[in-house]
């Protein structure tokens, strides 16, 4: 077991609520790889007192002061920690025991970015399904040319690679994770562990939101996919075709014509 904290888990939140408490507790309870730091950021003005549980050891707290967006909050969370490895968890998700040990072992073997599989959970942390992500290719970098195979809350990556990649792009209101992973893929090998080591919480009535700036976002993601394809030696015309299919698929999703692919495992 490692004696010093090597992992800082970045958690942005809009409010201090019970789900946030459970998310933080799930991180701090996992001692499989030694101590872990939680870097918590409140994105927006603080309208309620800070709960006592936020003051516990292992949690750093920052405020954006005004609603700045997930990407900005995550970059702030990263800026106040100096661990060699960063991890992600959304404020309403759960990290399961053994996650960081398994992921750090992969980092030690030379992987730059490591994700896991996950479970779908309800408000009481009951399992209601399995998250199904498409990554038929053994190399997640190849899968990224088709779709985002990573569960954002499951990811862990080297801090130096994150910094070289430029961190999260505040211009991305949505898909900031996909945009980051496309750039992290240029920094080194990636892996997705098949164990289900995170719980993704579904809320009643939860659905993908329609986006402003959809066209510019699709252009940005497509450009990132094309850069990675070039780095992997994929012909430009092959990736151009894939990008066109991806944009059509996302248009259908955000137009409400189909539900997100990860919900295919609901009830399984």
C-alpha atoms as a PDB file:
ATOM      1  CA  UNK A   1       0.000   0.000   0.000  1.00  0.00           C
ATOM      2  CA  UNK A   2       1.238   3.491  -0.812  1.00  0.00           C
ATOM      3  CA  UNK A   3       2.050   5.711   2.169  1.00  0.00           C
ATOM      4  CA  UNK A   4       1.261   9.076   0.581  1.00  0.00           C
ATOM      5  CA  UNK A   5      -1.685  10.242  -1.469  1.00  0.00           C
ATOM      6  CA  UNK A   6      -0.996   9.676  -5.153  1.00  0.00           C
ATOM      7  CA  UNK A   7      -4.562  10.294  -6.327  1.00  0.00           C
ATOM      8  CA  UNK A   8      -6.673  13.455  -6.158  1.00  0.00           C
ATOM      9  CA  UNK A   9     -10.313  12.918  -7.111  1.00  0.00           C
ATOM     10  CA  UNK A  10     -11.859  15.948  -8.834  1.00  0.00           C
ATOM     11  CA  UNK A  11     -15.516  16.485  -7.877  1.00  0.00           C
ATOM     12  CA  UNK A  12     -17.478  19.542  -9.049  1.00  0.00           C
ATOM     13  CA  UNK A  13     -20.879  20.194  -7.502  1.00  0.00           C
ATOM     14  CA  UNK A  14     -23.626  22.797  -7.618  1.00  0.00           C
ATOM     15  CA  UNK A  15     -24.750  22.172  -4.036  1.00  0.00           C
ATOM     16  CA  UNK A  16     -23.747  20.407  -0.844  1.00  0.00           C
ATOM     17  CA  UNK A  17     -26.330  17.655  -0.575  1.00  0.00           C
ATOM     18  CA  UNK A  18     -26.600  14.061   0.579  1.00  0.00           C
ATOM     19  CA  UNK A  19     -25.496  12.672  -2.784  1.00  0.00           C
ATOM     20  CA  UNK A  20     -22.329  14.772  -2.642  1.00  0.00           C
ATOM     21  CA  UNK A  21     -21.625  13.485   0.859  1.00  0.00           C
ATOM     22  CA  UNK A  22     -22.039   9.883  -0.285  1.00  0.00           C
ATOM     23  CA  UNK A  23     -19.790  10.449  -3.292  1.00  0.00           C
ATOM     24  CA  UNK A  24     -17.013  11.851  -1.096  1.00  0.00           C
ATOM     25  CA  UNK A  25     -17.419   9.141   1.527  1.00  0.00           C
ATOM     26  CA  UNK A  26     -17.167   6.460  -1.155  1.00  0.00           C
ATOM     27  CA  UNK A  27     -13.800   7.880  -2.230  1.00  0.00           C
ATOM     28  CA  UNK A  28     -12.355   8.274   1.259  1.00  0.00           C
ATOM     29  CA  UNK A  29     -13.515   4.786   2.263  1.00  0.00           C
ATOM     30  CA  UNK A  30     -11.371   3.173  -0.445  1.00  0.00           C
ATOM     31  CA  UNK A  31      -8.005   2.658   1.233  1.00  0.00           C
ATOM     32  CA  UNK A  32      -6.955  -0.117  -1.150  1.00  0.00           C
ATOM     33  CA  UNK A  33      -4.231   2.079  -2.651  1.00  0.00           C
ATOM     34  CA  UNK A  34      -3.440   4.222   0.374  1.00  0.00           C
ATOM     35  CA  UNK A  35      -4.798   7.694   1.164  1.00  0.00           C
ATOM     36  CA  UNK A  36      -6.746   9.601  -1.484  1.00  0.00           C
ATOM     37  CA  UNK A  37      -7.436  13.346  -1.683  1.00  0.00           C
ATOM     38  CA  UNK A  38     -10.806  14.811  -2.700  1.00  0.00           C
ATOM     39  CA  UNK A  39     -10.636  18.150  -4.522  1.00  0.00           C
ATOM     40  CA  UNK A  40     -14.179  19.517  -4.259  1.00  0.00           C
ATOM     41  CA  UNK A  41     -15.341  22.646  -6.093  1.00  0.00           C
ATOM     42  CA  UNK A  42     -18.659  24.409  -5.616  1.00  0.00           C
ATOM     43  CA  UNK A  43     -19.572  25.828  -9.013  1.00  0.00           C
ATOM     44  CA  UNK A  44     -21.586  28.917  -8.223  1.00  0.00           C
ATOM     45  CA  UNK A  45     -22.380  31.147  -5.250  1.00  0.00           C
ATOM     46  CA  UNK A  46     -22.578  29.470  -1.858  1.00  0.00           C
ATOM     47  CA  UNK A  47     -26.152  29.941  -0.647  1.00  0.00           C
ATOM     48  CA  UNK A  48     -26.079  27.411   2.209  1.00  0.00           C
ATOM     49  CA  UNK A  49     -23.685  26.823   5.124  1.00  0.00           C
ATOM     50  CA  UNK A  50     -20.817  24.449   4.465  1.00  0.00           C
ATOM     51  CA  UNK A  51     -21.661  21.133   6.161  1.00  0.00           C
ATOM     52  CA  UNK A  52     -19.323  19.859   8.861  1.00  0.00           C
ATOM     53  CA  UNK A  53     -18.430  16.793   6.789  1.00  0.00           C
ATOM     54  CA  UNK A  54     -16.668  18.984   4.216  1.00  0.00           C
ATOM     55  CA  UNK A  55     -14.089  19.981   6.828  1.00  0.00           C
ATOM     56  CA  UNK A  56     -12.776  16.449   7.316  1.00  0.00           C
ATOM     57  CA  UNK A  57      -9.222  15.447   6.445  1.00  0.00           C
ATOM     58  CA  UNK A  58      -8.626  14.526   2.837  1.00  0.00           C
ATOM     59  CA  UNK A  59     -10.988  17.136   1.343  1.00  0.00           C
ATOM     60  CA  UNK A  60      -9.946  20.448  -0.196  1.00  0.00           C
ATOM     61  CA  UNK A  61     -12.705  22.944  -0.975  1.00  0.00           C
ATOM     62  CA  UNK A  62     -12.751  25.727  -3.561  1.00  0.00           C
ATOM     63  CA  UNK A  63     -15.448  28.077  -4.872  1.00  0.00           C
ATOM     64  CA  UNK A  64     -15.828  29.476  -8.373  1.00  0.00           C
ATOM     65  CA  UNK A  65     -17.898  32.359  -6.939  1.00  0.00           C
ATOM     66  CA  UNK A  66     -20.294  32.296  -9.872  1.00  0.00           C
ATOM     67  CA  UNK A  67     -21.649  29.596 -12.144  1.00  0.00           C
ATOM     68  CA  UNK A  68     -18.689  28.913 -14.432  1.00  0.00           C
ATOM     69  CA  UNK A  69     -19.409  25.492 -15.911  1.00  0.00           C
ATOM     70  CA  UNK A  70     -18.120  22.000 -15.250  1.00  0.00           C
ATOM     71  CA  UNK A  71     -14.883  22.379 -17.217  1.00  0.00           C
ATOM     72  CA  UNK A  72     -13.822  25.526 -15.351  1.00  0.00           C
ATOM     73  CA  UNK A  73     -14.694  23.951 -12.001  1.00  0.00           C
ATOM     74  CA  UNK A  74     -12.657  20.850 -12.829  1.00  0.00           C
ATOM     75  CA  UNK A  75      -9.642  22.900 -13.884  1.00  0.00           C
ATOM     76  CA  UNK A  76      -9.847  24.782 -10.583  1.00  0.00           C
ATOM     77  CA  UNK A  77     -10.041  21.482  -8.697  1.00  0.00           C
ATOM     78  CA  UNK A  78      -6.909  20.306 -10.485  1.00  0.00           C
ATOM     79  CA  UNK A  79      -4.993  23.557  -9.853  1.00  0.00           C
ATOM     80  CA  UNK A  80      -4.967  23.158  -6.057  1.00  0.00           C
ATOM     81  CA  UNK A  81      -3.570  19.603  -5.876  1.00  0.00           C
ATOM     82  CA  UNK A  82      -0.123  18.250  -6.694  1.00  0.00           C
ATOM     83  CA  UNK A  83      -0.662  14.493  -6.812  1.00  0.00           C
ATOM     84  CA  UNK A  84       0.902  12.583  -9.728  1.00  0.00           C
ATOM     85  CA  UNK A  85      -2.477  11.094 -10.639  1.00  0.00           C
ATOM     86  CA  UNK A  86      -5.953  12.613 -11.026  1.00  0.00           C
ATOM     87  CA  UNK A  87      -9.320  10.853 -10.994  1.00  0.00           C
ATOM     88  CA  UNK A  88     -12.905  11.877 -11.658  1.00  0.00           C
ATOM     89  CA  UNK A  89     -16.200  11.333  -9.908  1.00  0.00           C
ATOM     90  CA  UNK A  90     -19.461  13.203 -10.385  1.00  0.00           C
ATOM     91  CA  UNK A  91     -21.048  14.499  -7.193  1.00  0.00           C
ATOM     92  CA  UNK A  92     -23.997  12.121  -7.457  1.00  0.00           C
ATOM     93  CA  UNK A  93     -22.056   8.961  -8.367  1.00  0.00           C
ATOM     94  CA  UNK A  94     -20.347   6.333  -6.210  1.00  0.00           C
ATOM     95  CA  UNK A  95     -16.802   4.959  -6.332  1.00  0.00           C
ATOM     96  CA  UNK A  96     -16.539   1.310  -5.257  1.00  0.00           C
ATOM     97  CA  UNK A  97     -13.787  -0.261  -3.096  1.00  0.00           C
ATOM     98  CA  UNK A  98     -10.707  -1.422  -4.959  1.00  0.00           C
ATOM     99  CA  UNK A  99     -11.103   1.018  -7.807  1.00  0.00           C
ATOM    100  CA  UNK A 100      -7.965   3.062  -7.203  1.00  0.00           C
ATOM    101  CA  UNK A 101      -5.764   0.033  -6.521  1.00  0.00           C
ATOM    102  CA  UNK A 102      -6.778  -1.549  -9.828  1.00  0.00           C
ATOM    103  CA  UNK A 103      -6.317   1.672 -11.755  1.00  0.00           C
ATOM    104  CA  UNK A 104      -2.971   2.587 -10.201  1.00  0.00           C
ATOM    105  CA  UNK A 105      -1.667  -0.867 -11.080  1.00  0.00           C
ATOM    106  CA  UNK A 106      -2.525  -0.079 -14.703  1.00  0.00           C
ATOM    107  CA  UNK A 107      -0.833   3.325 -14.430  1.00  0.00           C
ATOM    108  CA  UNK A 108       2.280   1.590 -13.080  1.00  0.00           C
ATOM    109  CA  UNK A 109       2.266  -0.603 -16.201  1.00  0.00           C
ATOM    110  CA  UNK A 110       2.531   2.472 -18.415  1.00  0.00           C
ATOM    111  CA  UNK A 111      -1.068   3.427 -19.189  1.00  0.00           C
ATOM    112  CA  UNK A 112      -1.790   7.159 -19.164  1.00  0.00           C
ATOM    113  CA  UNK A 113      -5.588   7.014 -18.860  1.00  0.00           C
ATOM    114  CA  UNK A 114      -7.551   4.215 -17.167  1.00  0.00           C
ATOM    115  CA  UNK A 115     -11.324   3.777 -16.945  1.00  0.00           C
ATOM    116  CA  UNK A 116     -13.568   1.041 -15.572  1.00  0.00           C
ATOM    117  CA  UNK A 117     -17.000  -0.355 -16.263  1.00  0.00           C
ATOM    118  CA  UNK A 118     -19.938   0.716 -14.081  1.00  0.00           C
ATOM    119  CA  UNK A 119     -23.343  -0.050 -12.650  1.00  0.00           C
ATOM    120  CA  UNK A 120     -26.535   1.978 -12.948  1.00  0.00           C
ATOM    121  CA  UNK A 121     -27.887   2.851  -9.489  1.00  0.00           C
ATOM    122  CA  UNK A 122     -30.972   4.614  -8.149  1.00  0.00           C
ATOM    123  CA  UNK A 123     -31.279   7.233  -5.428  1.00  0.00           C
ATOM    124  CA  UNK A 124     -30.825   4.600  -2.731  1.00  0.00           C
ATOM    125  CA  UNK A 125     -27.696   3.123  -4.344  1.00  0.00           C
ATOM    126  CA  UNK A 126     -29.617   0.029  -5.447  1.00  0.00           C
ATOM    127  CA  UNK A 127     -28.286  -1.529  -8.625  1.00  0.00           C
ATOM    128  CA  UNK A 128     -30.822  -1.174 -11.438  1.00  0.00           C
ATOM    129  CA  UNK A 129     -28.668  -2.146 -14.397  1.00  0.00           C
ATOM    130  CA  UNK A 130     -25.245  -2.201 -15.982  1.00  0.00           C
ATOM    131  CA  UNK A 131     -23.680   0.638 -17.913  1.00  0.00           C
ATOM    132  CA  UNK A 132     -23.020  -0.516 -21.447  1.00  0.00           C
ATOM    133  CA  UNK A 133     -20.286   1.344 -23.273  1.00  0.00           C
ATOM    134  CA  UNK A 134     -19.161   0.425 -26.756  1.00  0.00           C
ATOM    135  CA  UNK A 135     -15.471  -0.390 -26.903  1.00  0.00           C
ATOM    136  CA  UNK A 136     -15.156  -3.543 -28.969  1.00  0.00           C
ATOM    137  CA  UNK A 137     -11.581  -2.535 -29.793  1.00  0.00           C
ATOM    138  CA  UNK A 138      -9.070  -3.555 -27.131  1.00  0.00           C
ATOM    139  CA  UNK A 139      -7.367  -0.184 -27.520  1.00  0.00           C
ATOM    140  CA  UNK A 140      -9.703   2.581 -26.253  1.00  0.00           C
ATOM    141  CA  UNK A 141      -7.875   5.043 -28.509  1.00  0.00           C
ATOM    142  CA  UNK A 142      -9.289   3.199 -31.511  1.00  0.00           C
ATOM    143  CA  UNK A 143     -12.743   3.146 -29.910  1.00  0.00           C
ATOM    144  CA  UNK A 144     -12.545   6.930 -29.442  1.00  0.00           C
ATOM    145  CA  UNK A 145     -12.571   7.300 -33.224  1.00  0.00           C
ATOM    146  CA  UNK A 146     -16.155   5.959 -33.171  1.00  0.00           C
ATOM    147  CA  UNK A 147     -17.569   7.094 -29.808  1.00  0.00           C
ATOM    148  CA  UNK A 148     -16.592   7.845 -26.228  1.00  0.00           C
ATOM    149  CA  UNK A 149     -16.033   4.454 -24.536  1.00  0.00           C
ATOM    150  CA  UNK A 150     -15.187   5.938 -21.121  1.00  0.00           C
ATOM    151  CA  UNK A 151     -17.507   6.501 -18.170  1.00  0.00           C
ATOM    152  CA  UNK A 152     -16.306   9.925 -17.060  1.00  0.00           C
ATOM    153  CA  UNK A 153     -16.771   9.169 -13.353  1.00  0.00           C
ATOM    154  CA  UNK A 154     -14.602   6.063 -13.722  1.00  0.00           C
ATOM    155  CA  UNK A 155     -11.540   7.681 -15.243  1.00  0.00           C
ATOM    156  CA  UNK A 156      -8.096   8.150 -13.729  1.00  0.00           C
ATOM    157  CA  UNK A 157      -5.182   9.744 -15.570  1.00  0.00           C
ATOM    158  CA  UNK A 158      -1.647  10.977 -15.059  1.00  0.00           C
ATOM    159  CA  UNK A 159      -1.460  14.615 -13.968  1.00  0.00           C
ATOM    160  CA  UNK A 160       1.407  15.448 -16.317  1.00  0.00           C
ATOM    161  CA  UNK A 161      -0.508  14.063 -19.301  1.00  0.00           C
ATOM    162  CA  UNK A 162      -3.602  16.046 -18.276  1.00  0.00           C
ATOM    163  CA  UNK A 163      -1.532  19.228 -18.108  1.00  0.00           C
ATOM    164  CA  UNK A 164       0.182  18.610 -21.456  1.00  0.00           C
ATOM    165  CA  UNK A 165      -3.215  17.964 -23.039  1.00  0.00           C
ATOM    166  CA  UNK A 166      -4.398  21.368 -21.811  1.00  0.00           C
ATOM    167  CA  UNK A 167      -6.950  20.243 -19.226  1.00  0.00           C
ATOM    168  CA  UNK A 168     -10.681  20.633 -19.745  1.00  0.00           C
ATOM    169  CA  UNK A 169     -11.823  23.135 -22.368  1.00  0.00           C
ATOM    170  CA  UNK A 170     -14.225  25.690 -20.815  1.00  0.00           C
ATOM    171  CA  UNK A 171     -15.751  26.195 -24.273  1.00  0.00           C
ATOM    172  CA  UNK A 172     -17.261  22.699 -24.040  1.00  0.00           C
ATOM    173  CA  UNK A 173     -20.590  23.026 -22.264  1.00  0.00           C
ATOM    174  CA  UNK A 174     -21.170  19.327 -22.923  1.00  0.00           C
ATOM    175  CA  UNK A 175     -18.854  16.486 -23.947  1.00  0.00           C
ATOM    176  CA  UNK A 176     -15.938  18.062 -22.106  1.00  0.00           C
ATOM    177  CA  UNK A 177     -14.907  14.522 -21.190  1.00  0.00           C
ATOM    178  CA  UNK A 178     -14.866  13.260 -24.794  1.00  0.00           C
ATOM    179  CA  UNK A 179     -12.926  16.335 -25.869  1.00  0.00           C
ATOM    180  CA  UNK A 180     -10.343  15.727 -23.113  1.00  0.00           C
ATOM    181  CA  UNK A 181     -10.008  12.001 -23.819  1.00  0.00           C
ATOM    182  CA  UNK A 182      -9.335  12.671 -27.501  1.00  0.00           C
ATOM    183  CA  UNK A 183      -6.402  14.841 -26.434  1.00  0.00           C
ATOM    184  CA  UNK A 184      -5.236  12.458 -23.690  1.00  0.00           C
ATOM    185  CA  UNK A 185      -5.162   9.702 -26.316  1.00  0.00           C
ATOM    186  CA  UNK A 186      -2.310  11.591 -27.981  1.00  0.00           C
ATOM    187  CA  UNK A 187      -0.304  11.426 -24.735  1.00  0.00           C
ATOM    188  CA  UNK A 188      -0.060   7.654 -24.377  1.00  0.00           C
ATOM    189  CA  UNK A 189      -1.810   4.275 -24.062  1.00  0.00           C
ATOM    190  CA  UNK A 190      -5.247   3.911 -22.488  1.00  0.00           C
ATOM    191  CA  UNK A 191      -7.111   1.062 -20.848  1.00  0.00           C
ATOM    192  CA  UNK A 192     -10.631   0.228 -19.674  1.00  0.00           C
ATOM    193  CA  UNK A 193     -10.793  -2.269 -16.793  1.00  0.00           C
ATOM    194  CA  UNK A 194     -13.719  -4.658 -17.154  1.00  0.00           C
ATOM    195  CA  UNK A 195     -14.578  -4.619 -13.430  1.00  0.00           C
ATOM    196  CA  UNK A 196     -17.589  -2.444 -12.529  1.00  0.00           C
ATOM    197  CA  UNK A 197     -15.986  -0.078 -10.035  1.00  0.00           C
ATOM    198  CA  UNK A 198     -18.319   2.939 -10.145  1.00  0.00           C
ATOM    199  CA  UNK A 199     -22.036   3.478  -9.696  1.00  0.00           C
ATOM    200  CA  UNK A 200     -23.708   5.931 -12.090  1.00  0.00           C
ATOM    201  CA  UNK A 201     -26.795   7.399 -10.447  1.00  0.00           C
ATOM    202  CA  UNK A 202     -29.958   7.780 -12.515  1.00  0.00           C
ATOM    203  CA  UNK A 203     -32.530  10.345 -11.455  1.00  0.00           C
ATOM    204  CA  UNK A 204     -36.246  10.262 -12.129  1.00  0.00           C
ATOM    205  CA  UNK A 205     -36.917  12.010 -15.409  1.00  0.00           C
ATOM    206  CA  UNK A 206     -33.224  12.197 -16.237  1.00  0.00           C
ATOM    207  CA  UNK A 207     -32.520  12.764 -19.908  1.00  0.00           C
ATOM    208  CA  UNK A 208     -29.967  14.367 -22.159  1.00  0.00           C
ATOM    209  CA  UNK A 209     -30.442  18.084 -22.597  1.00  0.00           C
ATOM    210  CA  UNK A 210     -30.704  19.886 -25.875  1.00  0.00           C
ATOM    211  CA  UNK A 211     -27.667  22.046 -26.374  1.00  0.00           C
ATOM    212  CA  UNK A 212     -26.907  25.492 -27.550  1.00  0.00           C
ATOM    213  CA  UNK A 213     -23.819  25.648 -29.719  1.00  0.00           C
ATOM    214  CA  UNK A 214     -24.394  22.118 -30.979  1.00  0.00           C
ATOM    215  CA  UNK A 215     -22.861  22.768 -34.409  1.00  0.00           C
ATOM    216  CA  UNK A 216     -19.638  24.264 -33.045  1.00  0.00           C
ATOM    217  CA  UNK A 217     -19.320  21.437 -30.522  1.00  0.00           C
ATOM    218  CA  UNK A 218     -19.712  18.779 -33.211  1.00  0.00           C
ATOM    219  CA  UNK A 219     -17.094  20.571 -35.279  1.00  0.00           C
ATOM    220  CA  UNK A 220     -14.674  20.589 -32.333  1.00  0.00           C
ATOM    221  CA  UNK A 221     -15.207  16.926 -31.428  1.00  0.00           C
ATOM    222  CA  UNK A 222     -14.913  15.868 -35.066  1.00  0.00           C
ATOM    223  CA  UNK A 223     -11.620  17.764 -35.358  1.00  0.00           C
ATOM    224  CA  UNK A 224     -10.294  15.985 -32.270  1.00  0.00           C
ATOM    225  CA  UNK A 225     -11.340  12.617 -33.684  1.00  0.00           C
ATOM    226  CA  UNK A 226      -9.596  13.425 -36.962  1.00  0.00           C
ATOM    227  CA  UNK A 227      -6.363  14.432 -35.198  1.00  0.00           C
ATOM    228  CA  UNK A 228      -6.329  11.169 -33.286  1.00  0.00           C
ATOM    229  CA  UNK A 229      -7.101   9.201 -36.453  1.00  0.00           C
ATOM    230  CA  UNK A 230      -4.131  10.814 -38.175  1.00  0.00           C
ATOM    231  CA  UNK A 231      -1.904   9.960 -35.200  1.00  0.00           C
ATOM    232  CA  UNK A 232      -3.050   6.324 -35.397  1.00  0.00           C
ATOM    233  CA  UNK A 233      -2.534   6.135 -39.164  1.00  0.00           C
ATOM    234  CA  UNK A 234      -6.212   5.982 -40.149  1.00  0.00           C
ATOM    235  CA  UNK A 235      -6.934   7.401 -43.650  1.00  0.00           C
ATOM    236  CA  UNK A 236      -8.640  10.792 -43.536  1.00  0.00           C
ATOM    237  CA  UNK A 237     -11.548   9.700 -45.726  1.00  0.00           C
ATOM    238  CA  UNK A 238     -12.330   6.782 -43.402  1.00  0.00           C
ATOM    239  CA  UNK A 239     -12.503   9.066 -40.375  1.00  0.00           C
ATOM    240  CA  UNK A 240     -14.485  11.703 -42.264  1.00  0.00           C
ATOM    241  CA  UNK A 241     -17.167   9.080 -42.884  1.00  0.00           C
ATOM    242  CA  UNK A 242     -17.153   8.065 -39.223  1.00  0.00           C
ATOM    243  CA  UNK A 243     -17.470  11.686 -38.166  1.00  0.00           C
ATOM    244  CA  UNK A 244     -20.502  12.210 -40.393  1.00  0.00           C
ATOM    245  CA  UNK A 245     -22.195   9.173 -38.848  1.00  0.00           C
ATOM    246  CA  UNK A 246     -21.322  10.404 -35.341  1.00  0.00           C
ATOM    247  CA  UNK A 247     -22.824  13.855 -35.955  1.00  0.00           C
ATOM    248  CA  UNK A 248     -26.010  12.295 -37.334  1.00  0.00           C
ATOM    249  CA  UNK A 249     -26.231  10.006 -34.313  1.00  0.00           C
ATOM    250  CA  UNK A 250     -25.761  12.867 -31.846  1.00  0.00           C
ATOM    251  CA  UNK A 251     -28.318  14.980 -33.699  1.00  0.00           C
ATOM    252  CA  UNK A 252     -30.805  12.155 -33.223  1.00  0.00           C
ATOM    253  CA  UNK A 253     -29.945  11.793 -29.545  1.00  0.00           C
ATOM    254  CA  UNK A 254     -30.162  15.452 -28.605  1.00  0.00           C
ATOM    255  CA  UNK A 255     -33.242  15.830 -30.751  1.00  0.00           C
ATOM    256  CA  UNK A 256     -34.940  13.322 -28.457  1.00  0.00           C
ATOM    257  CA  UNK A 257     -35.255  10.599 -31.105  1.00  0.00           C
ATOM    258  CA  UNK A 258     -33.162   8.063 -29.202  1.00  0.00           C
ATOM    259  CA  UNK A 259     -31.928   7.636 -25.658  1.00  0.00           C
ATOM    260  CA  UNK A 260     -28.250   7.538 -24.645  1.00  0.00           C
ATOM    261  CA  UNK A 261     -26.503   4.275 -25.439  1.00  0.00           C
ATOM    262  CA  UNK A 262     -25.340   3.708 -21.860  1.00  0.00           C
ATOM    263  CA  UNK A 263     -28.987   3.182 -20.838  1.00  0.00           C
ATOM    264  CA  UNK A 264     -29.189  -0.003 -22.899  1.00  0.00           C
ATOM    265  CA  UNK A 265     -28.212  -1.914 -19.761  1.00  0.00           C
ATOM    266  CA  UNK A 266     -31.058  -0.564 -17.619  1.00  0.00           C
ATOM    267  CA  UNK A 267     -32.708  -3.501 -15.867  1.00  0.00           C
ATOM    268  CA  UNK A 268     -29.987  -5.978 -16.848  1.00  0.00           C
END
